[in-house]
């Protein structure tokens, strides 16, 4: 019988070497407004699921959806500007 400890040791043996690189952390930082806007949209949708949606819920979801689109547009424009300058997007 194999013990789970040996499997766990094999899986987590390289955990120290699996840290995100600086480039990956920078990419996450650039995408953070999109991530936060998506979370806000999801929160608004969850609130609307808890009861019969009313006008306030509809406006909340619509506003959150616009924030997601705005954040995505801003990120895409930054990536295009970086590519135009010759930077890595």
Protein backbone atom coordinates (compact mmCIF):
# COMPACT_ATOMS: atom_id res chain seq x y z
CA UNK A 1 0.00 0.00 0.00
CA UNK A 2 1.39 3.41 -1.00
CA UNK A 3 1.16 6.16 1.53
CA UNK A 4 -0.25 9.51 0.50
CA UNK A 5 2.75 11.22 2.15
CA UNK A 6 5.13 9.90 -0.49
CA UNK A 7 2.86 11.19 -3.26
CA UNK A 8 2.51 14.55 -1.54
CA UNK A 9 6.29 14.83 -1.17
CA UNK A 10 6.72 14.12 -4.87
CA UNK A 11 4.10 16.69 -5.85
CA UNK A 12 5.33 19.49 -3.60
CA UNK A 13 9.04 18.76 -3.87
CA UNK A 14 9.58 21.56 -6.39
CA UNK A 15 7.20 24.12 -4.89
CA UNK A 16 10.02 26.57 -4.14
CA UNK A 17 11.03 26.61 -7.80
CA UNK A 18 7.49 27.19 -9.07
CA UNK A 19 7.17 30.82 -8.01
CA UNK A 20 5.83 33.23 -10.64
CA UNK A 21 8.43 35.19 -12.56
CA UNK A 22 8.64 38.97 -12.50
CA UNK A 23 7.13 39.09 -15.99
CA UNK A 24 4.16 36.98 -14.87
CA UNK A 25 3.63 39.19 -11.82
CA UNK A 26 3.75 42.28 -14.05
CA UNK A 27 1.16 40.72 -16.37
CA UNK A 28 -1.13 40.01 -13.41
CA UNK A 29 -0.69 43.57 -12.18
CA UNK A 30 -1.64 44.93 -15.65
CA UNK A 31 -4.72 42.71 -15.76
CA UNK A 32 -5.84 43.45 -12.19
CA UNK A 33 -8.43 46.13 -13.17
CA UNK A 34 -10.08 43.61 -15.53
CA UNK A 35 -10.03 40.93 -12.83
CA UNK A 36 -11.56 43.26 -10.22
CA UNK A 37 -14.24 44.46 -12.66
CA UNK A 38 -15.09 40.83 -13.43
CA UNK A 39 -15.42 40.06 -9.73
CA UNK A 40 -17.72 43.07 -9.33
CA UNK A 41 -19.88 41.84 -12.21
CA UNK A 42 -20.03 38.37 -10.71
CA UNK A 43 -21.03 39.83 -7.33
CA UNK A 44 -23.84 41.80 -8.96
CA UNK A 45 -25.08 38.70 -10.76
CA UNK A 46 -24.98 36.64 -7.56
CA UNK A 47 -26.98 39.29 -5.71
CA UNK A 48 -29.60 39.20 -8.46
CA UNK A 49 -29.85 35.41 -8.16
CA UNK A 50 -30.84 35.59 -4.49
CA UNK A 51 -34.22 37.16 -5.23
CA UNK A 52 -36.42 38.28 -8.09
CA UNK A 53 -34.30 40.83 -10.00
CA UNK A 54 -35.55 44.38 -9.79
CA UNK A 55 -34.58 47.62 -11.52
CA UNK A 56 -31.71 48.24 -9.10
CA UNK A 57 -30.24 44.82 -9.83
CA UNK A 58 -30.51 45.44 -13.56
CA UNK A 59 -28.71 48.78 -13.26
CA UNK A 60 -26.05 47.26 -10.99
CA UNK A 61 -25.33 44.47 -13.49
CA UNK A 62 -25.35 46.87 -16.45
CA UNK A 63 -22.94 49.24 -14.66
CA UNK A 64 -20.62 46.38 -13.69
CA UNK A 65 -20.68 45.04 -17.25
CA UNK A 66 -19.68 48.49 -18.57
CA UNK A 67 -16.78 48.56 -16.11
CA UNK A 68 -15.58 45.18 -17.40
CA UNK A 69 -15.74 46.40 -20.99
CA UNK A 70 -13.94 49.63 -20.10
CA UNK A 71 -11.18 47.77 -18.25
CA UNK A 72 -10.76 45.33 -21.17
CA UNK A 73 -10.61 48.21 -23.65
CA UNK A 74 -7.99 50.00 -21.57
CA UNK A 75 -5.90 46.84 -21.30
CA UNK A 76 -6.15 46.21 -25.05
CA UNK A 77 -5.16 49.80 -25.81
CA UNK A 78 -2.15 49.53 -23.49
CA UNK A 79 -1.08 46.28 -25.16
CA UNK A 80 -1.45 47.86 -28.61
CA UNK A 81 0.56 50.90 -27.51
CA UNK A 82 3.28 48.64 -26.10
CA UNK A 83 3.39 46.63 -29.32
CA UNK A 84 3.57 49.85 -31.35
CA UNK A 85 6.53 51.05 -29.27
CA UNK A 86 8.19 47.71 -29.82
CA UNK A 87 7.65 46.34 -26.32
CA UNK A 88 6.43 42.88 -25.53
CA UNK A 89 2.67 42.71 -25.18
